[in-house]
Amino acid sequence: MMHSFDEAALPNLLGRDPERLRSVFLGYLDACRKGTRTLQDATVTRDFDTVHRIAHRLKSSSYMFGALSLGDVFTKLESAAA
């Protein structure tokens, strides 16, 4: 089942300081950008160990940050690469 975004996940985890939330969330977005580039490269070269490792990392952080739909996508990618 596809979910959406849980806006309360990050504030529940880190508190409600807007600057802290912004900083941490921007770090997550940067990790997603870098990770998806690595996933693309690893898919092209059929490096499924890297696909599995990066998808697992992005899955975990996506769920933690409340990006539930994205976490679901990375879960499927992780399973497919296993």
C-alpha atoms as a PDB file:
ATOM      1  CA  MET A   1       0.000   0.000   0.000  1.00  0.00           C
ATOM      2  CA  MET A   2       1.389   3.377  -0.961  1.00  0.00           C
ATOM      3  CA  HIS A   3       1.524   6.033   1.726  1.00  0.00           C
ATOM      4  CA  SER A   4       2.264   9.694   1.465  1.00  0.00           C
ATOM      5  CA  PHE A   5       4.231  11.983   3.740  1.00  0.00           C
ATOM      6  CA  ASP A   6       3.986  12.057   7.529  1.00  0.00           C
ATOM      7  CA  GLU A   7       4.628  15.698   8.381  1.00  0.00           C
ATOM      8  CA  ALA A   8       4.836  14.912  12.103  1.00  0.00           C
ATOM      9  CA  ALA A   9       7.587  12.280  11.835  1.00  0.00           C
ATOM     10  CA  LEU A  10      10.593  14.601  11.835  1.00  0.00           C
ATOM     11  CA  PRO A  11       9.298  17.059  14.475  1.00  0.00           C
ATOM     12  CA  ASN A  12       8.366  14.108  16.679  1.00  0.00           C
ATOM     13  CA  LEU A  13      11.905  12.816  16.347  1.00  0.00           C
ATOM     14  CA  LEU A  14      13.882  16.064  16.608  1.00  0.00           C
ATOM     15  CA  GLY A  15      11.609  18.620  18.185  1.00  0.00           C
ATOM     16  CA  ARG A  16      10.065  21.661  16.584  1.00  0.00           C
ATOM     17  CA  ASP A  17      12.988  24.064  16.126  1.00  0.00           C
ATOM     18  CA  PRO A  18      12.466  25.272  12.527  1.00  0.00           C
ATOM     19  CA  GLU A  19      16.163  25.849  11.787  1.00  0.00           C
ATOM     20  CA  ARG A  20      17.150  22.416  13.063  1.00  0.00           C
ATOM     21  CA  LEU A  21      14.352  20.758  11.092  1.00  0.00           C
ATOM     22  CA  ARG A  22      15.304  22.677   7.955  1.00  0.00           C
ATOM     23  CA  SER A  23      18.970  21.785   8.294  1.00  0.00           C
ATOM     24  CA  VAL A  24      18.342  18.101   8.897  1.00  0.00           C
ATOM     25  CA  PHE A  25      15.754  17.869   6.133  1.00  0.00           C
ATOM     26  CA  LEU A  26      18.085  19.576   3.635  1.00  0.00           C
ATOM     27  CA  GLY A  27      20.745  17.022   4.574  1.00  0.00           C
ATOM     28  CA  TYR A  28      18.252  14.234   3.881  1.00  0.00           C
ATOM     29  CA  LEU A  29      17.382  15.730   0.488  1.00  0.00           C
ATOM     30  CA  ASP A  30      21.060  15.981  -0.402  1.00  0.00           C
ATOM     31  CA  ALA A  31      21.603  12.343   0.612  1.00  0.00           C
ATOM     32  CA  CYS A  32      18.635  11.351  -1.565  1.00  0.00           C
ATOM     33  CA  ARG A  33      20.052  13.228  -4.561  1.00  0.00           C
ATOM     34  CA  LYS A  34      23.472  11.631  -4.168  1.00  0.00           C
ATOM     35  CA  GLY A  35      21.993   8.220  -3.420  1.00  0.00           C
ATOM     36  CA  THR A  36      19.710   8.202  -6.439  1.00  0.00           C
ATOM     37  CA  ARG A  37      22.646   9.127  -8.687  1.00  0.00           C
ATOM     38  CA  THR A  38      24.600   6.218  -7.215  1.00  0.00           C
ATOM     39  CA  LEU A  39      21.584   3.945  -7.706  1.00  0.00           C
ATOM     40  CA  GLN A  40      21.362   4.962 -11.361  1.00  0.00           C
ATOM     41  CA  ASP A  41      25.045   4.280 -11.944  1.00  0.00           C
ATOM     42  CA  ALA A  42      24.920   0.974 -10.082  1.00  0.00           C
ATOM     43  CA  THR A  43      21.866  -0.134 -12.042  1.00  0.00           C
ATOM     44  CA  VAL A  44      23.561   0.609 -15.352  1.00  0.00           C
ATOM     45  CA  THR A  45      26.633  -1.400 -14.334  1.00  0.00           C
ATOM     46  CA  ARG A  46      24.475  -4.133 -12.755  1.00  0.00           C
ATOM     47  CA  ASP A  47      26.166  -3.619  -9.369  1.00  0.00           C
ATOM     48  CA  PHE A  48      23.295  -5.020  -7.352  1.00  0.00           C
ATOM     49  CA  ASP A  49      25.246  -5.089  -4.077  1.00  0.00           C
ATOM     50  CA  THR A  50      25.517  -1.312  -4.301  1.00  0.00           C
ATOM     51  CA  VAL A  51      21.857  -0.982  -5.315  1.00  0.00           C
ATOM     52  CA  HIS A  52      20.864  -3.071  -2.283  1.00  0.00           C
ATOM     53  CA  ARG A  53      23.104  -1.108   0.120  1.00  0.00           C
ATOM     54  CA  ILE A  54      22.044   2.360  -1.080  1.00  0.00           C
ATOM     55  CA  ALA A  55      18.348   1.436  -1.333  1.00  0.00           C
ATOM     56  CA  HIS A  56      18.486   0.100   2.238  1.00  0.00           C
ATOM     57  CA  ARG A  57      20.064   3.299   3.515  1.00  0.00           C
ATOM     58  CA  LEU A  58      17.602   5.539   1.678  1.00  0.00           C
ATOM     59  CA  LYS A  59      14.662   3.369   2.738  1.00  0.00           C
ATOM     60  CA  SER A  60      15.560   3.703   6.398  1.00  0.00           C
ATOM     61  CA  SER A  61      16.125   7.446   6.293  1.00  0.00           C
ATOM     62  CA  SER A  62      12.996   8.039   4.196  1.00  0.00           C
ATOM     63  CA  TYR A  63      10.799   6.253   6.708  1.00  0.00           C
ATOM     64  CA  MET A  64      12.489   8.096   9.573  1.00  0.00           C
ATOM     65  CA  PHE A  65      11.859  11.441   7.873  1.00  0.00           C
ATOM     66  CA  GLY A  66       8.237  10.592   7.125  1.00  0.00           C
ATOM     67  CA  ALA A  67       8.674  10.156   3.355  1.00  0.00           C
ATOM     68  CA  LEU A  68       6.595   6.996   3.438  1.00  0.00           C
ATOM     69  CA  SER A  69       5.918   6.604  -0.286  1.00  0.00           C
ATOM     70  CA  LEU A  70       9.584   7.054  -1.067  1.00  0.00           C
ATOM     71  CA  GLY A  71      10.471   4.556   1.650  1.00  0.00           C
ATOM     72  CA  ASP A  72       8.124   2.071  -0.021  1.00  0.00           C
ATOM     73  CA  VAL A  73       9.903   2.573  -3.361  1.00  0.00           C
ATOM     74  CA  PHE A  74      13.317   2.012  -1.796  1.00  0.00           C
ATOM     75  CA  THR A  75      11.990  -1.092  -0.006  1.00  0.00           C
ATOM     76  CA  LYS A  76      10.988  -2.570  -3.362  1.00  0.00           C
ATOM     77  CA  LEU A  77      14.322  -1.645  -4.911  1.00  0.00           C
ATOM     78  CA  GLU A  78      16.196  -3.195  -1.991  1.00  0.00           C
ATOM     79  CA  SER A  79      14.206  -6.425  -2.338  1.00  0.00           C
ATOM     80  CA  ALA A  80      14.711  -6.547  -6.095  1.00  0.00           C
ATOM     81  CA  ALA A  81      18.487  -6.182  -5.695  1.00  0.00           C
ATOM     82  CA  ALA A  82      18.792  -8.890  -3.040  1.00  0.00           C
END
